[in-house]
Amino acid sequence: MIVTDRNFSDIIQSFISNEIKAILNKYTNMDLEKIQKVEALISKINDEEFKKELLLDFDKTLKLSTEIGDKYVDYFTIKMYLWIKSNTDLDLNMDAVDRVIQEVEENGYCEINDNTMIYIEGTNLKDIAVEKLETMLEDSYFVDKLLDKDSLIEYFINGTSKDQVIRELVNGIEIEELLDMNIQNIFENNYNQHYMYAQLDC
């Protein structure tokens, strides 16, 4: 007999009982090493909300704990790794994510590839915009996108150099708009810094 706040028929109780037995069998017959790996990972997590998230899916948490192995990996690395796996097509292992976080902490941002970056909100991204614009202004698609006809004519008449055009763009337009950044928030760290994921049209 299964005791709940709702009265189930004998048939439904049989389904419930069979599912409970299947779950018990799964964990009873599971290799002890797997259980210990998951327990070790969960015990390291202090954030209760994140712990609840991991406790929802044993297989996912086992896979995560197996990849971590005996390495020390902090909470934010794990959280970013899971976020990237769930929200992007990037193929980054735990070590790669750890390197990304280190670079972001050192420089304020990290370029994952030509069109993807992770950065701390509020970081000055002018240098990276200048670098991108050097290439973008060689492409007619981006020239048409960034500059109206009047500006192009004015630059031509005045003999404005590409470097001058780039300086005007980065100083006159928000970088997020300039690079047409599609931005998502990953998490906030202990210093109230927001780690952002951005895809760039450049």
N, C-alpha and C. Protein backbone atom coordinates (compact mmCIF):
# COMPACT_ATOMS: atom_id res chain seq x y z
N MET A 1 0.85 -1.20 0.00
CA MET A 1 0.00 0.00 0.00
C MET A 1 0.89 1.25 0.00
N ILE A 2 0.61 2.18 -0.92
CA ILE A 2 1.35 3.43 -1.02
C ILE A 2 0.50 4.53 -0.41
N VAL A 3 1.06 5.24 0.58
CA VAL A 3 0.32 6.28 1.29
C VAL A 3 0.63 7.64 0.67
N THR A 4 -0.40 8.32 0.16
CA THR A 4 -0.25 9.68 -0.38
C THR A 4 -1.50 10.47 -0.01
N ASP A 5 -1.51 11.74 -0.40
CA ASP A 5 -2.70 12.57 -0.16
C ASP A 5 -3.81 12.27 -1.15
N ARG A 6 -3.48 11.46 -2.13
CA ARG A 6 -4.47 11.14 -3.16
C ARG A 6 -4.72 9.64 -3.16
N ASN A 7 -5.96 9.26 -3.36
CA ASN A 7 -6.30 7.84 -3.42
C ASN A 7 -6.12 7.31 -4.83
N PHE A 8 -5.20 6.35 -5.00
CA PHE A 8 -4.98 5.72 -6.30
C PHE A 8 -5.63 4.35 -6.32
N SER A 9 -6.09 3.97 -7.49
CA SER A 9 -6.64 2.62 -7.65
C SER A 9 -5.52 1.59 -7.52
N ASP A 10 -5.90 0.34 -7.33
CA ASP A 10 -4.91 -0.74 -7.21
C ASP A 10 -4.04 -0.82 -8.46
N ILE A 11 -4.65 -0.56 -9.62
CA ILE A 11 -3.90 -0.63 -10.88
C ILE A 11 -2.80 0.44 -10.91
N ILE A 12 -3.18 1.68 -10.60
CA ILE A 12 -2.21 2.77 -10.61
C ILE A 12 -1.14 2.54 -9.54
N GLN A 13 -1.55 2.03 -8.37
CA GLN A 13 -0.57 1.73 -7.32
C GLN A 13 0.43 0.67 -7.78
N SER A 14 -0.02 -0.23 -8.63
CA SER A 14 0.91 -1.24 -9.16
C SER A 14 1.96 -0.59 -10.06
N PHE A 15 1.51 0.36 -10.89
CA PHE A 15 2.47 1.10 -11.73
C PHE A 15 3.50 1.83 -10.86
N ILE A 16 2.98 2.51 -9.84
CA ILE A 16 3.87 3.27 -8.95
C ILE A 16 4.86 2.34 -8.27
N SER A 17 4.35 1.22 -7.78
CA SER A 17 5.20 0.25 -7.08
C SER A 17 6.29 -0.29 -8.00
N ASN A 18 5.93 -0.59 -9.25
CA ASN A 18 6.91 -1.12 -10.20
C ASN A 18 8.00 -0.09 -10.52
N GLU A 19 7.58 1.19 -10.63
CA GLU A 19 8.57 2.24 -10.91
C GLU A 19 9.52 2.41 -9.73
N ILE A 20 8.98 2.36 -8.53
CA ILE A 20 9.83 2.47 -7.34
C ILE A 20 10.82 1.31 -7.27
N LYS A 21 10.34 0.10 -7.57
CA LYS A 21 11.22 -1.07 -7.56
C LYS A 21 12.34 -0.93 -8.60
N ALA A 22 11.98 -0.38 -9.77
CA ALA A 22 12.99 -0.20 -10.83
C ALA A 22 14.07 0.78 -10.38
N ILE A 23 13.63 1.85 -9.71
CA ILE A 23 14.60 2.84 -9.21
C ILE A 23 15.49 2.22 -8.15
N LEU A 24 14.89 1.47 -7.22
CA LEU A 24 15.67 0.81 -6.17
C LEU A 24 16.67 -0.18 -6.76
N ASN A 25 16.23 -0.93 -7.76
CA ASN A 25 17.13 -1.89 -8.42
C ASN A 25 18.29 -1.17 -9.10
N LYS A 26 17.99 -0.03 -9.74
CA LYS A 26 19.03 0.74 -10.43
C LYS A 26 20.15 1.11 -9.46
N TYR A 27 19.78 1.66 -8.31
CA TYR A 27 20.79 2.12 -7.36
C TYR A 27 21.40 0.97 -6.56
N THR A 28 20.63 -0.09 -6.32
CA THR A 28 21.17 -1.25 -5.59
C THR A 28 22.25 -1.95 -6.40
N ASN A 29 22.04 -2.04 -7.71
CA ASN A 29 22.97 -2.77 -8.58
C ASN A 29 24.06 -1.88 -9.18
N MET A 30 24.04 -0.61 -8.84
CA MET A 30 25.02 0.31 -9.42
C MET A 30 26.39 0.12 -8.79
N ASP A 31 27.41 0.29 -9.62
CA ASP A 31 28.78 0.19 -9.15
C ASP A 31 29.03 1.23 -8.05
N LEU A 32 29.63 0.80 -6.95
CA LEU A 32 29.85 1.69 -5.81
C LEU A 32 30.71 2.90 -6.18
N GLU A 33 31.65 2.72 -7.09
CA GLU A 33 32.54 3.81 -7.49
C GLU A 33 31.75 4.95 -8.12
N LYS A 34 30.73 4.61 -8.92
CA LYS A 34 29.89 5.64 -9.54
C LYS A 34 29.15 6.45 -8.48
N ILE A 35 28.60 5.75 -7.51
CA ILE A 35 27.86 6.42 -6.44
C ILE A 35 28.79 7.34 -5.66
N GLN A 36 29.99 6.87 -5.37
CA GLN A 36 30.95 7.67 -4.61
C GLN A 36 31.38 8.92 -5.38
N LYS A 37 31.52 8.79 -6.70
CA LYS A 37 31.88 9.95 -7.52
C LYS A 37 30.81 11.03 -7.43
N VAL A 38 29.56 10.62 -7.54
CA VAL A 38 28.46 11.58 -7.49
C VAL A 38 28.37 12.20 -6.10
N GLU A 39 28.51 11.38 -5.07
CA GLU A 39 28.45 11.90 -3.70
C GLU A 39 29.56 12.91 -3.44
N ALA A 40 30.76 12.61 -3.96
CA ALA A 40 31.91 13.50 -3.77
C ALA A 40 31.66 14.85 -4.43
N LEU A 41 31.08 14.82 -5.64
CA LEU A 41 30.80 16.07 -6.36
C LEU A 41 29.74 16.89 -5.62
N ILE A 42 28.64 16.25 -5.26
CA ILE A 42 27.54 16.96 -4.60
C ILE A 42 28.01 17.57 -3.28
N SER A 43 28.87 16.86 -2.56
CA SER A 43 29.33 17.35 -1.26
C SER A 43 30.20 18.60 -1.38
N LYS A 44 30.77 18.85 -2.58
CA LYS A 44 31.61 20.04 -2.79
C LYS A 44 30.78 21.29 -3.07
N ILE A 45 29.52 21.11 -3.44
CA ILE A 45 28.69 22.24 -3.87
C ILE A 45 28.03 22.90 -2.67
N ASN A 46 28.29 24.19 -2.50
CA ASN A 46 27.70 24.93 -1.38
C ASN A 46 26.41 25.66 -1.78
N ASP A 47 26.29 25.95 -3.07
CA ASP A 47 25.11 26.66 -3.57
C ASP A 47 23.92 25.70 -3.59
N GLU A 48 22.91 25.98 -2.76
CA GLU A 48 21.79 25.05 -2.61
C GLU A 48 20.96 24.92 -3.88
N GLU A 49 20.76 26.03 -4.61
CA GLU A 49 19.99 25.97 -5.85
C GLU A 49 20.70 25.12 -6.89
N PHE A 50 22.00 25.30 -6.99
CA PHE A 50 22.78 24.51 -7.95
C PHE A 50 22.80 23.05 -7.54
N LYS A 51 22.87 22.79 -6.24
CA LYS A 51 22.85 21.41 -5.75
C LYS A 51 21.52 20.74 -6.12
N LYS A 52 20.42 21.48 -5.97
CA LYS A 52 19.11 20.94 -6.34
C LYS A 52 19.07 20.59 -7.82
N GLU A 53 19.69 21.45 -8.64
CA GLU A 53 19.73 21.20 -10.09
C GLU A 53 20.48 19.91 -10.40
N LEU A 54 21.61 19.70 -9.74
CA LEU A 54 22.38 18.47 -9.97
C LEU A 54 21.64 17.24 -9.48
N LEU A 55 20.88 17.37 -8.39
CA LEU A 55 20.16 16.23 -7.82
C LEU A 55 18.96 15.80 -8.66
N LEU A 56 18.62 16.58 -9.67
CA LEU A 56 17.49 16.22 -10.53
C LEU A 56 17.83 15.11 -11.52
N ASP A 57 19.10 14.95 -11.83
CA ASP A 57 19.48 14.01 -12.90
C ASP A 57 20.77 13.29 -12.51
N PHE A 58 20.63 12.05 -12.02
CA PHE A 58 21.80 11.30 -11.56
C PHE A 58 22.77 11.03 -12.70
N ASP A 59 22.26 10.62 -13.86
CA ASP A 59 23.13 10.26 -14.98
C ASP A 59 23.93 11.47 -15.46
N LYS A 60 23.29 12.62 -15.53
CA LYS A 60 23.98 13.85 -15.94
C LYS A 60 25.07 14.21 -14.92
N THR A 61 24.74 14.08 -13.65
CA THR A 61 25.71 14.41 -12.59
C THR A 61 26.85 13.41 -12.57
N LEU A 62 26.55 12.13 -12.85
CA LEU A 62 27.60 11.11 -12.93
C LEU A 62 28.55 11.42 -14.08
N LYS A 63 28.00 11.79 -15.23
CA LYS A 63 28.84 12.14 -16.38
C LYS A 63 29.75 13.32 -16.04
N LEU A 64 29.18 14.29 -15.35
CA LEU A 64 29.95 15.47 -14.95
C LEU A 64 31.05 15.09 -13.97
N SER A 65 30.73 14.29 -12.97
CA SER A 65 31.72 13.90 -11.97
C SER A 65 32.82 13.03 -12.58
N THR A 66 32.47 12.23 -13.59
CA THR A 66 33.47 11.40 -14.28
C THR A 66 34.45 12.27 -15.05
N GLU A 67 33.93 13.29 -15.72
CA GLU A 67 34.82 14.19 -16.47
C GLU A 67 35.75 14.97 -15.54
N ILE A 68 35.23 15.37 -14.40
CA ILE A 68 36.05 16.11 -13.44
C ILE A 68 37.14 15.21 -12.86
N GLY A 69 36.76 13.97 -12.56
CA GLY A 69 37.74 13.02 -12.00
C GLY A 69 38.26 13.51 -10.66
N ASP A 70 39.57 13.41 -10.49
CA ASP A 70 40.20 13.81 -9.22
C ASP A 70 40.65 15.27 -9.23
N LYS A 71 40.43 15.96 -10.35
CA LYS A 71 40.87 17.36 -10.45
C LYS A 71 40.03 18.25 -9.53
N TYR A 72 40.67 19.31 -9.04
CA TYR A 72 39.91 20.31 -8.30
C TYR A 72 39.27 21.27 -9.31
N VAL A 73 37.97 21.36 -9.29
CA VAL A 73 37.24 22.27 -10.18
C VAL A 73 36.28 23.08 -9.33
N ASP A 74 36.35 24.39 -9.43
CA ASP A 74 35.47 25.19 -8.57
C ASP A 74 34.05 25.26 -9.12
N TYR A 75 33.19 25.78 -8.28
CA TYR A 75 31.77 25.83 -8.57
C TYR A 75 31.45 26.59 -9.85
N PHE A 76 32.12 27.73 -10.06
CA PHE A 76 31.82 28.57 -11.22
C PHE A 76 32.24 27.90 -12.53
N THR A 77 33.33 27.14 -12.49
CA THR A 77 33.75 26.40 -13.68
C THR A 77 32.71 25.35 -14.04
N ILE A 78 32.23 24.64 -13.04
CA ILE A 78 31.20 23.62 -13.26
C ILE A 78 29.93 24.27 -13.81
N LYS A 79 29.56 25.39 -13.21
CA LYS A 79 28.32 26.06 -13.63
C LYS A 79 28.43 26.55 -15.07
N MET A 80 29.59 27.15 -15.42
CA MET A 80 29.77 27.62 -16.80
C MET A 80 29.79 26.45 -17.77
N TYR A 81 30.44 25.37 -17.39
CA TYR A 81 30.50 24.17 -18.24
C TYR A 81 29.09 23.68 -18.56
N LEU A 82 28.27 23.55 -17.54
CA LEU A 82 26.90 23.06 -17.74
C LEU A 82 26.08 24.05 -18.56
N TRP A 83 26.29 25.35 -18.33
CA TRP A 83 25.55 26.36 -19.10
C TRP A 83 25.92 26.27 -20.57
N ILE A 84 27.20 26.15 -20.86
CA ILE A 84 27.66 26.05 -22.25
C ILE A 84 27.08 24.81 -22.92
N LYS A 85 27.08 23.68 -22.21
CA LYS A 85 26.54 22.43 -22.75
C LYS A 85 25.05 22.56 -23.05
N SER A 86 24.33 23.29 -22.21
CA SER A 86 22.88 23.39 -22.35
C SER A 86 22.42 24.46 -23.33
N ASN A 87 23.25 25.49 -23.53
CA ASN A 87 22.78 26.67 -24.27
C ASN A 87 23.54 26.98 -25.56
N THR A 88 24.59 26.22 -25.86
CA THR A 88 25.39 26.52 -27.05
C THR A 88 25.76 25.23 -27.78
N ASP A 89 26.36 25.40 -28.95
CA ASP A 89 26.87 24.26 -29.71
C ASP A 89 28.37 24.09 -29.52
N LEU A 90 28.96 24.85 -28.62
CA LEU A 90 30.40 24.77 -28.39
C LEU A 90 30.78 23.41 -27.80
N ASP A 91 31.90 22.88 -28.25
CA ASP A 91 32.39 21.60 -27.74
C ASP A 91 33.62 21.88 -26.88
N LEU A 92 33.38 22.23 -25.62
CA LEU A 92 34.46 22.55 -24.70
C LEU A 92 34.45 21.57 -23.53
N ASN A 93 35.61 20.99 -23.22
CA ASN A 93 35.67 20.13 -22.04
C ASN A 93 35.93 20.98 -20.80
N MET A 94 36.00 20.32 -19.66
CA MET A 94 36.13 21.04 -18.40
C MET A 94 37.42 21.87 -18.33
N ASP A 95 38.51 21.29 -18.83
CA ASP A 95 39.79 22.01 -18.82
C ASP A 95 39.72 23.27 -19.67
N ALA A 96 39.06 23.17 -20.83
CA ALA A 96 38.93 24.32 -21.73
C ALA A 96 38.10 25.42 -21.07
N VAL A 97 37.04 25.03 -20.40
CA VAL A 97 36.20 26.02 -19.71
C VAL A 97 36.98 26.69 -18.59
N ASP A 98 37.79 25.92 -17.88
CA ASP A 98 38.62 26.49 -16.82
C ASP A 98 39.59 27.53 -17.38
N ARG A 99 40.16 27.23 -18.55
CA ARG A 99 41.08 28.19 -19.19
C ARG A 99 40.34 29.45 -19.63
N VAL A 100 39.11 29.28 -20.11
CA VAL A 100 38.30 30.44 -20.51
C VAL A 100 38.08 31.36 -19.31
N ILE A 101 37.70 30.78 -18.18
CA ILE A 101 37.44 31.59 -16.98
C ILE A 101 38.71 32.31 -16.54
N GLN A 102 39.84 31.63 -16.59
CA GLN A 102 41.10 32.27 -16.20
C GLN A 102 41.41 33.47 -17.10
N GLU A 103 41.18 33.29 -18.41
CA GLU A 103 41.45 34.39 -19.34
C GLU A 103 40.49 35.55 -19.12
N VAL A 104 39.23 35.23 -18.86
CA VAL A 104 38.25 36.29 -18.58
C VAL A 104 38.64 37.05 -17.32
N GLU A 105 39.09 36.34 -16.30
CA GLU A 105 39.51 36.99 -15.05
C GLU A 105 40.71 37.90 -15.28
N GLU A 106 41.61 37.49 -16.18
CA GLU A 106 42.83 38.27 -16.43
C GLU A 106 42.58 39.46 -17.36
N ASN A 107 41.79 39.24 -18.43
CA ASN A 107 41.64 40.26 -19.48
C ASN A 107 40.26 40.91 -19.54
N GLY A 108 39.31 40.34 -18.83
CA GLY A 108 37.95 40.86 -18.91
C GLY A 108 37.11 40.17 -19.96
N TYR A 109 37.75 39.46 -20.87
CA TYR A 109 37.03 38.72 -21.91
C TYR A 109 37.90 37.60 -22.46
N CYS A 110 37.25 36.68 -23.17
CA CYS A 110 37.97 35.59 -23.84
C CYS A 110 37.24 35.29 -25.15
N GLU A 111 37.97 35.30 -26.25
CA GLU A 111 37.39 34.92 -27.53
C GLU A 111 37.44 33.40 -27.67
N ILE A 112 36.28 32.79 -27.82
CA ILE A 112 36.22 31.34 -28.00
C ILE A 112 36.56 30.99 -29.45
N ASN A 113 35.99 31.75 -30.36
CA ASN A 113 36.32 31.65 -31.78
C ASN A 113 36.07 33.03 -32.41
N ASP A 114 36.10 33.11 -33.74
CA ASP A 114 35.97 34.42 -34.40
C ASP A 114 34.66 35.13 -34.10
N ASN A 115 33.62 34.37 -33.78
CA ASN A 115 32.29 34.97 -33.62
C ASN A 115 31.68 34.75 -32.24
N THR A 116 32.46 34.25 -31.30
CA THR A 116 31.93 33.94 -29.97
C THR A 116 32.89 34.38 -28.89
N MET A 117 32.36 35.01 -27.86
CA MET A 117 33.21 35.42 -26.75
C MET A 117 32.45 35.36 -25.43
N ILE A 118 33.21 35.27 -24.35
CA ILE A 118 32.66 35.37 -23.00
C ILE A 118 33.39 36.53 -22.33
N TYR A 119 32.63 37.38 -21.66
CA TYR A 119 33.26 38.55 -21.05
C TYR A 119 32.51 38.95 -19.79
N ILE A 120 33.15 39.79 -19.01
CA ILE A 120 32.51 40.34 -17.82
C ILE A 120 31.80 41.63 -18.22
N GLU A 121 30.54 41.72 -17.86
CA GLU A 121 29.74 42.90 -18.20
C GLU A 121 30.44 44.17 -17.71
N GLY A 122 30.52 45.16 -18.58
CA GLY A 122 31.18 46.41 -18.22
C GLY A 122 32.62 46.49 -18.68
N THR A 123 33.16 45.39 -19.20
CA THR A 123 34.53 45.39 -19.71
C THR A 123 34.63 46.29 -20.94
N ASN A 124 35.70 47.05 -21.05
CA ASN A 124 35.94 47.88 -22.23
C ASN A 124 36.34 46.97 -23.39
N LEU A 125 35.48 46.90 -24.39
CA LEU A 125 35.70 46.00 -25.53
C LEU A 125 36.16 46.74 -26.78
N LYS A 126 36.63 47.97 -26.61
CA LYS A 126 37.02 48.76 -27.79
C LYS A 126 38.17 48.11 -28.56
N ASP A 127 39.14 47.55 -27.85
CA ASP A 127 40.30 46.94 -28.53
C ASP A 127 39.86 45.79 -29.43
N ILE A 128 38.96 44.96 -28.92
CA ILE A 128 38.50 43.83 -29.73
C ILE A 128 37.65 44.33 -30.89
N ALA A 129 36.90 45.42 -30.69
CA ALA A 129 36.09 45.99 -31.77
C ALA A 129 36.99 46.52 -32.88
N VAL A 130 38.07 47.20 -32.50
CA VAL A 130 39.03 47.71 -33.49
C VAL A 130 39.60 46.57 -34.31
N GLU A 131 39.97 45.50 -33.63
CA GLU A 131 40.53 44.33 -34.31
C GLU A 131 39.53 43.73 -35.30
N LYS A 132 38.27 43.61 -34.88
CA LYS A 132 37.24 43.05 -35.75
C LYS A 132 36.95 43.96 -36.94
N LEU A 133 36.90 45.27 -36.69
CA LEU A 133 36.57 46.23 -37.75
C LEU A 133 37.64 46.28 -38.83
N GLU A 134 38.87 46.00 -38.48
CA GLU A 134 39.95 45.95 -39.47
C GLU A 134 39.58 44.99 -40.60
N THR A 135 39.00 43.87 -40.23
CA THR A 135 38.59 42.87 -41.23
C THR A 135 37.22 43.18 -41.81
N MET A 136 36.30 43.61 -40.95
CA MET A 136 34.93 43.86 -41.40
C MET A 136 34.85 44.91 -42.49
N LEU A 137 35.67 45.95 -42.40
CA LEU A 137 35.61 47.04 -43.39
C LEU A 137 36.25 46.67 -44.72
N GLU A 138 36.76 45.45 -44.81
CA GLU A 138 37.23 44.92 -46.10
C GLU A 138 36.11 44.17 -46.82
N ASP A 139 34.98 44.02 -46.14
CA ASP A 139 33.86 43.24 -46.67
C ASP A 139 32.70 44.19 -46.98
N SER A 140 32.22 44.17 -48.22
CA SER A 140 31.16 45.11 -48.64
C SER A 140 29.88 44.93 -47.82
N TYR A 141 29.61 43.70 -47.38
CA TYR A 141 28.41 43.45 -46.56
C TYR A 141 28.45 44.29 -45.29
N PHE A 142 29.58 44.27 -44.61
CA PHE A 142 29.69 45.01 -43.35
C PHE A 142 29.84 46.51 -43.59
N VAL A 143 30.46 46.90 -44.69
CA VAL A 143 30.55 48.33 -45.02
C VAL A 143 29.14 48.90 -45.18
N ASP A 144 28.29 48.19 -45.93
CA ASP A 144 26.90 48.64 -46.12
C ASP A 144 26.12 48.64 -44.80
N LYS A 145 26.44 47.69 -43.96
CA LYS A 145 25.73 47.56 -42.68
C LYS A 145 26.13 48.66 -41.70
N LEU A 146 27.40 49.02 -41.70
CA LEU A 146 27.92 49.96 -40.70
C LEU A 146 27.88 51.42 -41.12
N LEU A 147 27.94 51.67 -42.43
CA LEU A 147 28.07 53.06 -42.91
C LEU A 147 26.97 53.41 -43.90
N ASP A 148 26.33 54.54 -43.69
CA ASP A 148 25.32 54.98 -44.66
C ASP A 148 26.01 55.65 -45.85
N LYS A 149 25.25 55.90 -46.91
CA LYS A 149 25.82 56.45 -48.15
C LYS A 149 26.46 57.81 -47.93
N ASP A 150 25.80 58.66 -47.15
CA ASP A 150 26.33 60.00 -46.90
C ASP A 150 27.69 59.94 -46.22
N SER A 151 27.82 59.04 -45.26
CA SER A 151 29.10 58.89 -44.56
C SER A 151 30.18 58.40 -45.51
N LEU A 152 29.82 57.43 -46.36
CA LEU A 152 30.79 56.89 -47.32
C LEU A 152 31.29 57.98 -48.27
N ILE A 153 30.34 58.80 -48.76
CA ILE A 153 30.71 59.90 -49.67
C ILE A 153 31.62 60.89 -48.95
N GLU A 154 31.27 61.23 -47.71
CA GLU A 154 32.06 62.19 -46.94
C GLU A 154 33.47 61.65 -46.70
N TYR A 155 33.55 60.38 -46.32
CA TYR A 155 34.87 59.78 -46.09
C TYR A 155 35.71 59.79 -47.36
N PHE A 156 35.05 59.51 -48.50
CA PHE A 156 35.76 59.47 -49.79
C PHE A 156 36.28 60.85 -50.17
N ILE A 157 35.41 61.87 -50.04
CA ILE A 157 35.80 63.24 -50.40
C ILE A 157 36.95 63.73 -49.52
N ASN A 158 36.87 63.40 -48.22
CA ASN A 158 37.88 63.88 -47.27
C ASN A 158 39.13 63.01 -47.23
N GLY A 159 39.09 61.91 -47.97
CA GLY A 159 40.24 61.01 -47.96
C GLY A 159 40.49 60.40 -46.58
N THR A 160 39.40 60.11 -45.88
CA THR A 160 39.51 59.56 -44.51
C THR A 160 40.10 58.15 -44.55
N SER A 161 41.08 57.90 -43.72
CA SER A 161 41.72 56.58 -43.68
C SER A 161 40.82 55.58 -42.95
N LYS A 162 41.10 54.30 -43.18
CA LYS A 162 40.32 53.26 -42.51
C LYS A 162 40.49 53.35 -41.00
N ASP A 163 41.69 53.66 -40.55
CA ASP A 163 41.94 53.79 -39.11
C ASP A 163 41.07 54.89 -38.50
N GLN A 164 40.93 55.99 -39.22
CA GLN A 164 40.09 57.10 -38.73
C GLN A 164 38.62 56.69 -38.68
N VAL A 165 38.18 55.96 -39.71
CA VAL A 165 36.79 55.48 -39.74
C VAL A 165 36.54 54.57 -38.54
N ILE A 166 37.48 53.67 -38.28
CA ILE A 166 37.33 52.74 -37.16
C ILE A 166 37.25 53.49 -35.84
N ARG A 167 38.11 54.49 -35.66
CA ARG A 167 38.09 55.27 -34.43
C ARG A 167 36.74 55.96 -34.23
N GLU A 168 36.20 56.51 -35.32
CA GLU A 168 34.90 57.18 -35.22
C GLU A 168 33.80 56.19 -34.85
N LEU A 169 33.87 55.00 -35.43
CA LEU A 169 32.84 53.99 -35.15
C LEU A 169 32.89 53.54 -33.69
N VAL A 170 34.08 53.19 -33.19
CA VAL A 170 34.17 52.67 -31.82
C VAL A 170 33.90 53.75 -30.78
N ASN A 171 34.14 55.00 -31.14
CA ASN A 171 33.89 56.09 -30.20
C ASN A 171 32.46 56.62 -30.28
N GLY A 172 31.78 56.30 -31.38
CA GLY A 172 30.45 56.87 -31.57
C GLY A 172 29.30 55.90 -31.42
N ILE A 173 29.60 54.61 -31.38
CA ILE A 173 28.55 53.60 -31.30
C ILE A 173 28.89 52.61 -30.20
N GLU A 174 27.88 52.18 -29.44
CA GLU A 174 28.10 51.16 -28.42
C GLU A 174 28.68 49.90 -29.08
N ILE A 175 29.67 49.30 -28.44
CA ILE A 175 30.35 48.15 -29.03
C ILE A 175 29.38 46.99 -29.26
N GLU A 176 28.46 46.80 -28.31
CA GLU A 176 27.48 45.72 -28.45
C GLU A 176 26.64 45.89 -29.72
N GLU A 177 26.30 47.14 -30.02
CA GLU A 177 25.53 47.43 -31.23
C GLU A 177 26.41 47.34 -32.47
N LEU A 178 27.63 47.84 -32.35
CA LEU A 178 28.56 47.87 -33.48
C LEU A 178 28.85 46.47 -34.00
N LEU A 179 29.06 45.53 -33.08
CA LEU A 179 29.38 44.15 -33.47
C LEU A 179 28.13 43.27 -33.51
N ASP A 180 26.96 43.91 -33.35
CA ASP A 180 25.68 43.20 -33.41
C ASP A 180 25.71 41.96 -32.52
N MET A 181 26.02 42.20 -31.24
CA MET A 181 26.23 41.10 -30.30
C MET A 181 24.91 40.55 -29.77
N ASN A 182 24.74 39.25 -29.88
CA ASN A 182 23.61 38.55 -29.27
C ASN A 182 24.09 38.05 -27.91
N ILE A 183 23.59 38.67 -26.83
CA ILE A 183 24.19 38.49 -25.51
C ILE A 183 23.25 37.71 -24.58
N GLN A 184 23.84 36.78 -23.82
CA GLN A 184 23.12 36.05 -22.78
C GLN A 184 23.92 36.09 -21.49
N ASN A 185 23.20 36.17 -20.38
CA ASN A 185 23.86 36.15 -19.07
C ASN A 185 24.13 34.71 -18.65
N ILE A 186 25.37 34.42 -18.24
CA ILE A 186 25.71 33.07 -17.79
C ILE A 186 25.50 32.95 -16.28
N PHE A 187 26.20 33.76 -15.51
CA PHE A 187 26.03 33.78 -14.06
C PHE A 187 26.66 35.03 -13.47
N GLU A 188 26.42 35.21 -12.19
CA GLU A 188 27.04 36.31 -11.44
C GLU A 188 27.98 35.70 -10.42
N ASN A 189 29.22 36.19 -10.35
CA ASN A 189 30.18 35.61 -9.40
C ASN A 189 30.06 36.28 -8.02
N ASN A 190 30.97 35.92 -7.13
CA ASN A 190 30.90 36.42 -5.75
C ASN A 190 31.17 37.91 -5.63
N TYR A 191 31.69 38.51 -6.70
CA TYR A 191 32.00 39.94 -6.70
C TYR A 191 30.95 40.75 -7.47
N ASN A 192 29.78 40.13 -7.67
CA ASN A 192 28.67 40.78 -8.38
C ASN A 192 29.02 41.12 -9.83
N GLN A 193 29.95 40.37 -10.40
CA GLN A 193 30.30 40.54 -11.81
C GLN A 193 29.48 39.55 -12.64
N HIS A 194 28.89 40.06 -13.71
CA HIS A 194 28.08 39.21 -14.58
C HIS A 194 28.94 38.69 -15.74
N TYR A 195 28.99 37.37 -15.86
CA TYR A 195 29.69 36.75 -16.98
C TYR A 195 28.70 36.61 -18.14
N MET A 196 29.07 37.16 -19.29
CA MET A 196 28.17 37.22 -20.43
C MET A 196 28.70 36.37 -21.58
N TYR A 197 27.77 35.74 -22.27
CA TYR A 197 28.09 34.97 -23.49
C TYR A 197 27.58 35.77 -24.67
N ALA A 198 28.42 35.97 -25.68
CA ALA A 198 28.02 36.80 -26.82
C ALA A 198 28.41 36.15 -28.14
N GLN A 199 27.47 36.18 -29.07
CA GLN A 199 27.76 35.80 -30.46
C GLN A 199 27.81 37.09 -31.26
N LEU A 200 28.84 37.23 -32.08
CA LEU A 200 29.08 38.47 -32.82
C LEU A 200 28.82 38.27 -34.30
N ASP A 201 28.22 39.27 -34.92
CA ASP A 201 28.06 39.26 -36.38
C ASP A 201 29.20 40.09 -36.94
N CYS A 202 30.32 39.43 -37.23
CA CYS A 202 31.49 40.17 -37.69
C CYS A 202 32.36 39.28 -38.58
